N, C-alpha and C. Protein backbone atom coordinates (compact mmCIF):
# COMPACT_ATOMS: atom_id res chain seq x y z
N MET A 1 -21.72 -6.46 -38.51
CA MET A 1 -22.70 -5.51 -38.01
C MET A 1 -22.33 -5.13 -36.58
N ILE A 2 -22.46 -3.86 -36.26
CA ILE A 2 -22.14 -3.36 -34.93
C ILE A 2 -23.42 -3.30 -34.11
N SER A 3 -23.38 -3.94 -32.96
CA SER A 3 -24.54 -3.89 -32.07
C SER A 3 -24.54 -2.56 -31.31
N VAL A 4 -25.63 -2.28 -30.64
CA VAL A 4 -25.72 -1.06 -29.83
C VAL A 4 -24.62 -1.07 -28.77
N THR A 5 -24.36 -2.20 -28.18
CA THR A 5 -23.32 -2.31 -27.17
C THR A 5 -21.96 -1.97 -27.76
N ASP A 6 -21.67 -2.54 -28.95
CA ASP A 6 -20.39 -2.25 -29.59
C ASP A 6 -20.28 -0.76 -29.92
N TYR A 7 -21.35 -0.17 -30.39
CA TYR A 7 -21.34 1.25 -30.73
C TYR A 7 -21.04 2.08 -29.48
N THR A 8 -21.65 1.73 -28.37
CA THR A 8 -21.40 2.44 -27.12
C THR A 8 -19.95 2.31 -26.72
N ASN A 9 -19.38 1.12 -26.86
CA ASN A 9 -17.98 0.92 -26.51
C ASN A 9 -17.06 1.76 -27.41
N ILE A 10 -17.40 1.85 -28.69
CA ILE A 10 -16.61 2.68 -29.60
C ILE A 10 -16.67 4.13 -29.15
N ARG A 11 -17.86 4.60 -28.81
CA ARG A 11 -18.01 5.98 -28.37
C ARG A 11 -17.23 6.24 -27.08
N VAL A 12 -17.27 5.29 -26.15
CA VAL A 12 -16.54 5.46 -24.90
C VAL A 12 -15.04 5.54 -25.17
N ASN A 13 -14.55 4.76 -26.13
CA ASN A 13 -13.14 4.82 -26.48
C ASN A 13 -12.73 6.21 -26.95
N TYR A 14 -13.64 6.95 -27.49
CA TYR A 14 -13.35 8.33 -27.92
C TYR A 14 -13.68 9.33 -26.82
N GLU A 15 -13.96 8.83 -25.61
CA GLU A 15 -14.19 9.63 -24.43
C GLU A 15 -15.42 10.53 -24.53
N LEU A 16 -16.40 10.14 -25.32
CA LEU A 16 -17.64 10.90 -25.36
C LEU A 16 -18.49 10.51 -24.16
N LYS A 17 -19.13 11.49 -23.59
CA LYS A 17 -19.99 11.27 -22.44
C LYS A 17 -21.44 11.09 -22.90
N PRO A 18 -22.29 10.49 -22.07
CA PRO A 18 -23.69 10.32 -22.47
C PRO A 18 -24.35 11.63 -22.90
N ALA A 19 -23.95 12.75 -22.30
CA ALA A 19 -24.54 14.04 -22.69
C ALA A 19 -24.24 14.38 -24.14
N ASP A 20 -23.12 13.87 -24.67
CA ASP A 20 -22.77 14.14 -26.05
C ASP A 20 -23.63 13.34 -27.02
N LEU A 21 -24.30 12.32 -26.52
CA LEU A 21 -25.10 11.45 -27.37
C LEU A 21 -26.57 11.84 -27.39
N ARG A 22 -26.93 12.88 -26.66
CA ARG A 22 -28.33 13.28 -26.56
C ARG A 22 -28.76 14.08 -27.79
N PHE A 23 -30.08 14.17 -27.95
CA PHE A 23 -30.62 15.03 -28.99
C PHE A 23 -30.54 16.47 -28.51
N PRO A 24 -30.41 17.43 -29.42
CA PRO A 24 -30.34 18.82 -28.99
C PRO A 24 -31.67 19.26 -28.37
N SER A 25 -31.58 20.19 -27.44
CA SER A 25 -32.78 20.74 -26.80
C SER A 25 -33.50 21.66 -27.78
N ALA A 26 -34.71 22.07 -27.44
CA ALA A 26 -35.47 22.99 -28.28
C ALA A 26 -34.70 24.31 -28.43
N GLU A 27 -34.08 24.77 -27.35
CA GLU A 27 -33.30 26.00 -27.39
C GLU A 27 -32.12 25.86 -28.37
N GLU A 28 -31.45 24.71 -28.32
CA GLU A 28 -30.32 24.48 -29.21
C GLU A 28 -30.77 24.42 -30.66
N VAL A 29 -31.89 23.76 -30.91
CA VAL A 29 -32.41 23.67 -32.28
C VAL A 29 -32.76 25.05 -32.80
N ALA A 30 -33.36 25.88 -31.95
CA ALA A 30 -33.71 27.24 -32.37
C ALA A 30 -32.47 28.07 -32.67
N TYR A 31 -31.39 27.80 -31.98
CA TYR A 31 -30.16 28.58 -32.13
C TYR A 31 -29.32 28.14 -33.31
N MET A 32 -29.48 26.89 -33.73
CA MET A 32 -28.64 26.32 -34.79
C MET A 32 -28.63 27.09 -36.09
N PRO A 33 -29.78 27.58 -36.61
CA PRO A 33 -29.73 28.25 -37.91
C PRO A 33 -28.77 29.43 -37.94
N ASN A 34 -28.72 30.25 -36.87
CA ASN A 34 -27.79 31.37 -36.85
C ASN A 34 -26.36 30.88 -36.87
N ASN A 35 -26.06 29.90 -36.05
CA ASN A 35 -24.71 29.36 -36.01
C ASN A 35 -24.34 28.72 -37.34
N ARG A 36 -25.29 28.07 -37.98
CA ARG A 36 -25.02 27.45 -39.29
C ARG A 36 -24.64 28.51 -40.33
N HIS A 37 -25.33 29.64 -40.27
CA HIS A 37 -25.03 30.75 -41.19
C HIS A 37 -23.58 31.18 -41.02
N PHE A 38 -23.14 31.36 -39.79
CA PHE A 38 -21.77 31.80 -39.54
C PHE A 38 -20.76 30.70 -39.87
N ALA A 39 -21.13 29.45 -39.65
CA ALA A 39 -20.25 28.33 -40.02
C ALA A 39 -20.06 28.31 -41.54
N ARG A 40 -21.12 28.60 -42.29
CA ARG A 40 -21.00 28.66 -43.76
C ARG A 40 -20.09 29.82 -44.18
N ALA A 41 -20.17 30.94 -43.47
CA ALA A 41 -19.31 32.08 -43.79
C ALA A 41 -17.84 31.73 -43.56
N ILE A 42 -17.57 31.02 -42.48
CA ILE A 42 -16.19 30.59 -42.19
C ILE A 42 -15.72 29.62 -43.28
N ALA A 43 -16.59 28.68 -43.65
CA ALA A 43 -16.22 27.71 -44.70
C ALA A 43 -15.97 28.41 -46.03
N ALA A 44 -16.76 29.42 -46.35
CA ALA A 44 -16.57 30.15 -47.61
C ALA A 44 -15.22 30.88 -47.60
N HIS A 45 -14.86 31.46 -46.47
CA HIS A 45 -13.57 32.13 -46.37
C HIS A 45 -12.42 31.12 -46.51
N HIS A 46 -12.58 29.98 -45.88
CA HIS A 46 -11.57 28.93 -46.03
C HIS A 46 -11.42 28.53 -47.49
N ALA A 47 -12.53 28.40 -48.19
CA ALA A 47 -12.48 28.01 -49.61
C ALA A 47 -11.70 29.04 -50.43
N GLU A 48 -11.90 30.33 -50.13
CA GLU A 48 -11.14 31.38 -50.82
C GLU A 48 -9.65 31.24 -50.54
N MET A 49 -9.32 30.97 -49.28
CA MET A 49 -7.91 30.83 -48.91
C MET A 49 -7.28 29.62 -49.59
N VAL A 50 -8.00 28.51 -49.64
CA VAL A 50 -7.50 27.30 -50.30
C VAL A 50 -7.24 27.59 -51.78
N LYS A 51 -8.19 28.25 -52.44
CA LYS A 51 -8.01 28.59 -53.86
C LYS A 51 -6.80 29.48 -54.07
N HIS A 52 -6.63 30.46 -53.20
CA HIS A 52 -5.49 31.36 -53.33
C HIS A 52 -4.17 30.59 -53.22
N LEU A 53 -4.09 29.71 -52.23
CA LEU A 53 -2.86 28.93 -52.03
C LEU A 53 -2.62 28.00 -53.22
N GLU A 54 -3.66 27.33 -53.69
CA GLU A 54 -3.50 26.43 -54.83
C GLU A 54 -3.03 27.19 -56.07
N ARG A 55 -3.61 28.37 -56.29
CA ARG A 55 -3.21 29.18 -57.44
C ARG A 55 -1.75 29.62 -57.30
N ALA A 56 -1.34 30.01 -56.11
CA ALA A 56 0.04 30.45 -55.89
C ALA A 56 1.03 29.31 -56.17
N VAL A 57 0.67 28.11 -55.73
CA VAL A 57 1.55 26.95 -55.97
C VAL A 57 1.57 26.60 -57.46
N ARG A 58 0.41 26.68 -58.09
CA ARG A 58 0.34 26.41 -59.53
C ARG A 58 1.20 27.42 -60.31
N ASP A 59 1.13 28.69 -59.92
CA ASP A 59 1.93 29.72 -60.58
C ASP A 59 3.42 29.47 -60.38
N LEU A 60 3.79 29.04 -59.20
CA LEU A 60 5.19 28.73 -58.90
C LEU A 60 5.67 27.55 -59.76
N ALA A 61 4.82 26.54 -59.88
CA ALA A 61 5.17 25.37 -60.70
C ALA A 61 5.32 25.76 -62.17
N GLN A 62 4.43 26.61 -62.65
CA GLN A 62 4.51 27.04 -64.05
C GLN A 62 5.78 27.87 -64.30
N ALA A 63 6.12 28.74 -63.36
CA ALA A 63 7.33 29.54 -63.52
C ALA A 63 8.56 28.64 -63.55
N MET A 64 8.57 27.63 -62.70
CA MET A 64 9.69 26.69 -62.67
C MET A 64 9.78 25.93 -63.99
N GLU A 65 8.63 25.46 -64.45
CA GLU A 65 8.59 24.69 -65.70
C GLU A 65 9.05 25.52 -66.89
N GLU A 66 8.65 26.78 -66.91
CA GLU A 66 8.99 27.67 -68.02
C GLU A 66 10.33 28.37 -67.81
N GLN A 67 10.99 28.03 -66.73
CA GLN A 67 12.28 28.62 -66.37
C GLN A 67 12.22 30.14 -66.30
N ARG A 68 11.13 30.64 -65.73
CA ARG A 68 10.97 32.07 -65.48
C ARG A 68 11.40 32.35 -64.04
N PRO A 69 11.62 33.61 -63.70
CA PRO A 69 11.96 33.95 -62.32
C PRO A 69 10.87 33.48 -61.36
N TRP A 70 11.27 32.77 -60.34
CA TRP A 70 10.32 32.18 -59.40
C TRP A 70 10.36 32.86 -58.03
N ALA A 71 11.45 33.54 -57.71
CA ALA A 71 11.59 34.14 -56.38
C ALA A 71 10.47 35.15 -56.06
N PRO A 72 10.03 35.98 -57.02
CA PRO A 72 8.94 36.89 -56.70
C PRO A 72 7.63 36.14 -56.33
N LEU A 73 7.43 34.99 -56.94
CA LEU A 73 6.24 34.19 -56.61
C LEU A 73 6.38 33.57 -55.22
N ARG A 74 7.58 33.13 -54.90
CA ARG A 74 7.85 32.62 -53.55
C ARG A 74 7.57 33.71 -52.52
N ASP A 75 8.07 34.91 -52.80
CA ASP A 75 7.89 36.02 -51.87
C ASP A 75 6.43 36.40 -51.74
N ALA A 76 5.69 36.35 -52.84
CA ALA A 76 4.25 36.67 -52.78
C ALA A 76 3.51 35.63 -51.94
N LEU A 77 3.89 34.38 -52.06
CA LEU A 77 3.27 33.32 -51.26
C LEU A 77 3.56 33.55 -49.77
N CYS A 78 4.77 33.94 -49.46
CA CYS A 78 5.11 34.23 -48.06
C CYS A 78 4.33 35.45 -47.54
N ARG A 79 4.19 36.47 -48.37
CA ARG A 79 3.40 37.64 -47.96
C ARG A 79 1.95 37.25 -47.68
N TYR A 80 1.40 36.37 -48.51
CA TYR A 80 0.03 35.91 -48.29
C TYR A 80 -0.06 35.13 -46.97
N ALA A 81 0.90 34.26 -46.75
CA ALA A 81 0.91 33.50 -45.50
C ALA A 81 1.03 34.43 -44.30
N ASP A 82 1.91 35.43 -44.40
CA ASP A 82 2.12 36.36 -43.30
C ASP A 82 0.94 37.31 -43.09
N GLY A 83 0.30 37.70 -44.18
CA GLY A 83 -0.76 38.69 -44.09
C GLY A 83 -2.15 38.14 -43.94
N GLU A 84 -2.35 36.88 -44.31
CA GLU A 84 -3.69 36.30 -44.28
C GLU A 84 -3.74 34.99 -43.52
N LEU A 85 -2.98 34.02 -43.97
CA LEU A 85 -3.10 32.66 -43.45
C LEU A 85 -2.72 32.55 -41.97
N LEU A 86 -1.53 33.01 -41.63
CA LEU A 86 -1.06 32.85 -40.25
C LEU A 86 -1.82 33.75 -39.26
N PRO A 87 -2.15 34.99 -39.62
CA PRO A 87 -2.99 35.78 -38.71
C PRO A 87 -4.37 35.15 -38.52
N HIS A 88 -4.91 34.56 -39.58
CA HIS A 88 -6.20 33.86 -39.48
C HIS A 88 -6.08 32.71 -38.48
N ALA A 89 -5.00 31.95 -38.58
CA ALA A 89 -4.79 30.83 -37.66
C ALA A 89 -4.66 31.32 -36.23
N ALA A 90 -3.90 32.38 -36.01
CA ALA A 90 -3.72 32.91 -34.66
C ALA A 90 -5.05 33.42 -34.09
N ALA A 91 -5.84 34.07 -34.93
CA ALA A 91 -7.14 34.57 -34.47
C ALA A 91 -8.08 33.42 -34.13
N GLU A 92 -8.03 32.34 -34.90
CA GLU A 92 -8.84 31.17 -34.58
C GLU A 92 -8.46 30.60 -33.22
N GLU A 93 -7.17 30.59 -32.94
CA GLU A 93 -6.70 30.02 -31.68
C GLU A 93 -7.27 30.77 -30.48
N SER A 94 -7.34 32.08 -30.58
CA SER A 94 -7.80 32.86 -29.43
C SER A 94 -9.31 33.04 -29.39
N THR A 95 -10.01 32.58 -30.41
CA THR A 95 -11.48 32.74 -30.43
C THR A 95 -12.15 31.36 -30.49
N LEU A 96 -12.22 30.77 -31.68
CA LEU A 96 -12.92 29.49 -31.85
C LEU A 96 -12.33 28.39 -30.98
N TYR A 97 -11.01 28.25 -31.03
CA TYR A 97 -10.38 27.15 -30.31
C TYR A 97 -10.49 27.35 -28.80
N ALA A 98 -10.33 28.59 -28.37
CA ALA A 98 -10.44 28.88 -26.93
C ALA A 98 -11.84 28.53 -26.44
N ARG A 99 -12.85 28.83 -27.24
CA ARG A 99 -14.24 28.53 -26.85
C ARG A 99 -14.50 27.02 -26.89
N ALA A 100 -13.91 26.33 -27.83
CA ALA A 100 -14.14 24.88 -27.96
C ALA A 100 -13.45 24.10 -26.85
N ARG A 101 -12.39 24.65 -26.28
CA ARG A 101 -11.62 23.94 -25.25
C ARG A 101 -12.44 23.63 -24.00
N ASP A 102 -13.52 24.35 -23.76
CA ASP A 102 -14.30 24.07 -22.55
C ASP A 102 -15.09 22.77 -22.66
N ASN A 103 -15.07 22.16 -23.83
CA ASN A 103 -15.69 20.85 -23.99
C ASN A 103 -14.56 19.81 -24.04
N PRO A 104 -14.41 19.00 -22.99
CA PRO A 104 -13.30 18.05 -22.94
C PRO A 104 -13.23 17.11 -24.14
N VAL A 105 -14.37 16.84 -24.75
CA VAL A 105 -14.40 15.96 -25.92
C VAL A 105 -13.63 16.57 -27.08
N LEU A 106 -13.63 17.89 -27.17
CA LEU A 106 -12.99 18.58 -28.29
C LEU A 106 -11.51 18.87 -28.07
N VAL A 107 -11.02 18.71 -26.85
CA VAL A 107 -9.63 19.05 -26.55
C VAL A 107 -8.62 18.31 -27.45
N PRO A 108 -8.75 16.99 -27.66
CA PRO A 108 -7.78 16.33 -28.56
C PRO A 108 -7.81 16.90 -29.99
N LEU A 109 -9.00 17.23 -30.47
CA LEU A 109 -9.11 17.83 -31.80
C LEU A 109 -8.42 19.19 -31.82
N ILE A 110 -8.65 20.00 -30.81
CA ILE A 110 -8.03 21.33 -30.74
C ILE A 110 -6.51 21.20 -30.67
N GLU A 111 -6.02 20.26 -29.88
CA GLU A 111 -4.57 20.05 -29.79
C GLU A 111 -3.99 19.67 -31.16
N ALA A 112 -4.68 18.82 -31.88
CA ALA A 112 -4.22 18.44 -33.23
C ALA A 112 -4.23 19.63 -34.17
N MET A 113 -5.26 20.46 -34.06
CA MET A 113 -5.35 21.63 -34.95
C MET A 113 -4.28 22.66 -34.61
N LEU A 114 -3.95 22.80 -33.33
CA LEU A 114 -2.87 23.70 -32.94
C LEU A 114 -1.52 23.19 -33.49
N ALA A 115 -1.34 21.89 -33.47
CA ALA A 115 -0.12 21.31 -34.06
C ALA A 115 -0.06 21.61 -35.56
N GLU A 116 -1.20 21.56 -36.22
CA GLU A 116 -1.23 21.88 -37.65
C GLU A 116 -0.88 23.35 -37.87
N HIS A 117 -1.33 24.23 -36.99
CA HIS A 117 -0.95 25.64 -37.12
C HIS A 117 0.56 25.80 -37.00
N ARG A 118 1.18 25.07 -36.08
CA ARG A 118 2.64 25.14 -35.96
C ARG A 118 3.29 24.64 -37.25
N SER A 119 2.75 23.59 -37.82
CA SER A 119 3.29 23.06 -39.08
C SER A 119 3.12 24.06 -40.22
N LEU A 120 1.99 24.75 -40.26
CA LEU A 120 1.79 25.78 -41.29
C LEU A 120 2.89 26.84 -41.19
N ARG A 121 3.21 27.26 -39.97
CA ARG A 121 4.27 28.26 -39.79
C ARG A 121 5.62 27.71 -40.26
N GLN A 122 5.87 26.45 -39.97
CA GLN A 122 7.15 25.84 -40.39
C GLN A 122 7.25 25.75 -41.92
N TRP A 123 6.15 25.39 -42.58
CA TRP A 123 6.18 25.31 -44.04
C TRP A 123 6.36 26.70 -44.64
N ARG A 124 5.75 27.70 -44.04
CA ARG A 124 5.94 29.08 -44.51
C ARG A 124 7.42 29.44 -44.42
N ASP A 125 8.07 29.09 -43.32
CA ASP A 125 9.49 29.39 -43.16
C ASP A 125 10.33 28.66 -44.20
N ARG A 126 9.97 27.44 -44.50
CA ARG A 126 10.71 26.66 -45.51
C ARG A 126 10.56 27.28 -46.90
N ILE A 127 9.39 27.82 -47.18
CA ILE A 127 9.19 28.50 -48.47
C ILE A 127 10.14 29.68 -48.55
N GLN A 128 10.16 30.49 -47.50
CA GLN A 128 11.01 31.69 -47.49
C GLN A 128 12.49 31.34 -47.61
N GLN A 129 12.89 30.24 -47.01
CA GLN A 129 14.30 29.84 -47.01
C GLN A 129 14.72 29.13 -48.30
N ALA A 130 13.77 28.79 -49.15
CA ALA A 130 14.08 28.03 -50.37
C ALA A 130 15.03 28.82 -51.26
N SER A 131 16.10 28.16 -51.64
CA SER A 131 17.06 28.80 -52.55
C SER A 131 16.93 28.27 -53.97
N GLN A 132 16.07 27.25 -54.12
CA GLN A 132 15.81 26.71 -55.45
C GLN A 132 14.30 26.59 -55.62
N ALA A 133 13.87 26.74 -56.86
CA ALA A 133 12.44 26.72 -57.16
C ALA A 133 11.78 25.43 -56.69
N VAL A 134 12.44 24.31 -56.89
CA VAL A 134 11.84 23.03 -56.52
C VAL A 134 11.58 22.97 -55.01
N ASP A 135 12.48 23.54 -54.21
CA ASP A 135 12.28 23.54 -52.76
C ASP A 135 11.09 24.42 -52.38
N ALA A 136 10.99 25.57 -53.02
CA ALA A 136 9.84 26.45 -52.76
C ALA A 136 8.54 25.78 -53.18
N LEU A 137 8.59 25.08 -54.29
CA LEU A 137 7.40 24.40 -54.79
C LEU A 137 6.95 23.29 -53.85
N VAL A 138 7.89 22.49 -53.38
CA VAL A 138 7.55 21.40 -52.46
C VAL A 138 6.97 21.97 -51.17
N ALA A 139 7.62 22.98 -50.61
CA ALA A 139 7.13 23.58 -49.36
C ALA A 139 5.78 24.27 -49.57
N GLY A 140 5.63 24.94 -50.72
CA GLY A 140 4.35 25.59 -51.02
C GLY A 140 3.23 24.58 -51.18
N GLY A 141 3.54 23.47 -51.84
CA GLY A 141 2.53 22.41 -51.99
C GLY A 141 2.15 21.82 -50.65
N ALA A 142 3.14 21.65 -49.78
CA ALA A 142 2.85 21.12 -48.44
C ALA A 142 1.99 22.09 -47.65
N LEU A 143 2.32 23.38 -47.71
CA LEU A 143 1.53 24.40 -47.02
C LEU A 143 0.09 24.41 -47.52
N SER A 144 -0.06 24.40 -48.83
CA SER A 144 -1.39 24.42 -49.44
C SER A 144 -2.20 23.19 -49.08
N GLY A 145 -1.58 22.02 -49.21
CA GLY A 145 -2.29 20.77 -48.89
C GLY A 145 -2.66 20.66 -47.43
N LEU A 146 -1.72 21.04 -46.56
CA LEU A 146 -2.01 21.00 -45.12
C LEU A 146 -3.14 21.94 -44.77
N PHE A 147 -3.13 23.14 -45.33
CA PHE A 147 -4.22 24.06 -44.99
C PHE A 147 -5.56 23.54 -45.51
N ALA A 148 -5.59 22.97 -46.69
CA ALA A 148 -6.86 22.43 -47.22
C ALA A 148 -7.40 21.34 -46.29
N GLU A 149 -6.54 20.45 -45.84
CA GLU A 149 -6.97 19.39 -44.91
C GLU A 149 -7.40 19.97 -43.58
N HIS A 150 -6.65 20.95 -43.10
CA HIS A 150 -6.95 21.59 -41.82
C HIS A 150 -8.31 22.28 -41.87
N ALA A 151 -8.55 23.02 -42.94
CA ALA A 151 -9.83 23.72 -43.08
C ALA A 151 -10.98 22.71 -43.13
N ALA A 152 -10.79 21.61 -43.83
CA ALA A 152 -11.85 20.58 -43.90
C ALA A 152 -12.12 20.00 -42.52
N LYS A 153 -11.08 19.76 -41.76
CA LYS A 153 -11.25 19.23 -40.40
C LYS A 153 -12.03 20.22 -39.54
N GLU A 154 -11.69 21.48 -39.68
CA GLU A 154 -12.39 22.51 -38.90
C GLU A 154 -13.87 22.56 -39.30
N GLU A 155 -14.12 22.50 -40.59
CA GLU A 155 -15.49 22.62 -41.10
C GLU A 155 -16.34 21.38 -40.82
N HIS A 156 -15.73 20.21 -40.81
CA HIS A 156 -16.50 18.97 -40.66
C HIS A 156 -16.49 18.39 -39.26
N GLN A 157 -15.59 18.87 -38.41
CA GLN A 157 -15.53 18.34 -37.05
C GLN A 157 -15.76 19.42 -36.00
N LEU A 158 -14.97 20.49 -36.06
CA LEU A 158 -15.07 21.51 -35.01
C LEU A 158 -16.33 22.35 -35.13
N LEU A 159 -16.58 22.93 -36.29
CA LEU A 159 -17.73 23.82 -36.43
C LEU A 159 -19.06 23.12 -36.16
N PRO A 160 -19.28 21.90 -36.66
CA PRO A 160 -20.55 21.23 -36.32
C PRO A 160 -20.73 21.05 -34.80
N ALA A 161 -19.65 20.78 -34.10
CA ALA A 161 -19.75 20.64 -32.64
C ALA A 161 -20.13 21.96 -32.00
N LEU A 162 -19.62 23.06 -32.53
CA LEU A 162 -19.95 24.37 -31.98
C LEU A 162 -21.35 24.82 -32.39
N VAL A 163 -21.76 24.49 -33.61
CA VAL A 163 -23.08 24.89 -34.11
C VAL A 163 -24.19 24.35 -33.21
N ARG A 164 -24.01 23.15 -32.70
CA ARG A 164 -25.06 22.49 -31.90
C ARG A 164 -25.23 23.09 -30.51
N ARG A 165 -24.29 23.86 -30.07
CA ARG A 165 -24.31 24.33 -28.69
C ARG A 165 -25.03 25.66 -28.56
N ALA A 166 -26.04 25.69 -27.68
CA ALA A 166 -26.80 26.92 -27.45
C ALA A 166 -25.94 27.96 -26.73
N ASP A 167 -24.91 27.52 -26.03
CA ASP A 167 -24.07 28.47 -25.29
C ASP A 167 -22.93 29.03 -26.14
N VAL A 168 -22.91 28.70 -27.42
CA VAL A 168 -21.87 29.21 -28.32
C VAL A 168 -22.54 30.09 -29.37
N ASP A 169 -22.05 31.30 -29.47
CA ASP A 169 -22.54 32.24 -30.46
C ASP A 169 -21.45 32.42 -31.51
N LEU A 170 -21.56 31.69 -32.61
CA LEU A 170 -20.53 31.77 -33.65
C LEU A 170 -20.43 33.18 -34.23
N GLY A 171 -21.55 33.89 -34.26
CA GLY A 171 -21.51 35.27 -34.75
C GLY A 171 -20.60 36.14 -33.89
N ALA A 172 -20.71 35.99 -32.58
CA ALA A 172 -19.85 36.76 -31.67
C ALA A 172 -18.39 36.32 -31.80
N LEU A 173 -18.19 35.01 -31.94
CA LEU A 173 -16.82 34.52 -32.12
C LEU A 173 -16.22 35.01 -33.43
N LEU A 174 -17.03 35.02 -34.48
CA LEU A 174 -16.58 35.52 -35.77
C LEU A 174 -16.24 37.00 -35.67
N GLY A 175 -17.07 37.76 -34.96
CA GLY A 175 -16.78 39.18 -34.73
C GLY A 175 -15.49 39.37 -33.97
N ALA A 176 -15.26 38.55 -32.95
CA ALA A 176 -14.02 38.63 -32.17
C ALA A 176 -12.82 38.26 -33.03
N LEU A 177 -13.00 37.28 -33.90
CA LEU A 177 -11.93 36.88 -34.81
C LEU A 177 -11.57 38.04 -35.73
N GLN A 178 -12.58 38.69 -36.29
CA GLN A 178 -12.33 39.84 -37.17
C GLN A 178 -11.69 40.99 -36.41
N ASP A 179 -12.17 41.23 -35.18
CA ASP A 179 -11.58 42.30 -34.37
C ASP A 179 -10.11 42.04 -34.10
N GLU A 180 -9.78 40.79 -33.84
CA GLU A 180 -8.38 40.46 -33.60
C GLU A 180 -7.55 40.68 -34.84
N LEU A 181 -8.08 40.31 -36.00
CA LEU A 181 -7.34 40.53 -37.23
C LEU A 181 -7.13 42.01 -37.49
N VAL A 182 -8.17 42.80 -37.29
CA VAL A 182 -8.05 44.25 -37.49
C VAL A 182 -7.10 44.83 -36.45
N GLY A 183 -7.15 44.31 -35.24
CA GLY A 183 -6.27 44.76 -34.18
C GLY A 183 -4.80 44.47 -34.48
N ARG A 184 -4.55 43.58 -35.40
CA ARG A 184 -3.17 43.27 -35.79
C ARG A 184 -2.72 44.16 -36.94
N GLN A 185 -3.43 45.26 -37.12
CA GLN A 185 -3.06 46.29 -38.11
C GLN A 185 -3.27 45.85 -39.54
N PHE A 186 -4.36 45.15 -39.80
CA PHE A 186 -4.67 44.78 -41.18
C PHE A 186 -5.47 45.89 -41.82
N PRO A 187 -5.48 45.93 -43.13
CA PRO A 187 -6.23 46.98 -43.82
C PRO A 187 -7.70 46.97 -43.41
N PRO A 188 -8.36 48.13 -43.42
CA PRO A 188 -9.75 48.20 -42.99
C PRO A 188 -10.69 47.32 -43.83
N ASP A 189 -10.33 47.01 -45.06
CA ASP A 189 -11.21 46.20 -45.90
C ASP A 189 -10.96 44.71 -45.71
N HIS A 190 -10.09 44.34 -44.78
CA HIS A 190 -9.81 42.92 -44.50
C HIS A 190 -11.01 42.33 -43.78
N ARG A 191 -11.67 41.38 -44.42
CA ARG A 191 -12.84 40.76 -43.83
C ARG A 191 -12.72 39.26 -43.92
N LEU A 192 -13.36 38.59 -42.97
CA LEU A 192 -13.41 37.13 -43.01
C LEU A 192 -14.47 36.70 -43.97
């Protein structure tokens, strides 16, 4: 059993400050429902992206198993990464992550998530460079699995921390994220 003292020591080891352990203010509680709505919208978009990646990898595996042409599926997966996944990651970096960085407690999480974005780009490159179906499949599976874990981390760690803050407007951040995506010359119907 962990005593209160032990729990405090555990929290200090994670560099949380006493202010992080407080109950939310009335203003924060009033603001949470709006932020929760936008956090759910982000999670729903992540779920769509995860499904798309899983389906693409499954299609690649089936083509390999049936000895059908696999290169067009590899190329389609790269187009999805280039047109959706990686721009989404870049937009998160300049909106959600930039806003979260002002909380020192979240900086290690943000640094880890930025490293995952770099890994996503590397796996995308490995998919494109694959000269054999098995290599494309392995890299595609790694890309898909990494993104699923990354999205879960964002939804279960980062977004809840932002939802609680009265000084964070997830709706405005989501709007900025969409503006950045549109500003990168995406089709007008591209929505988060």
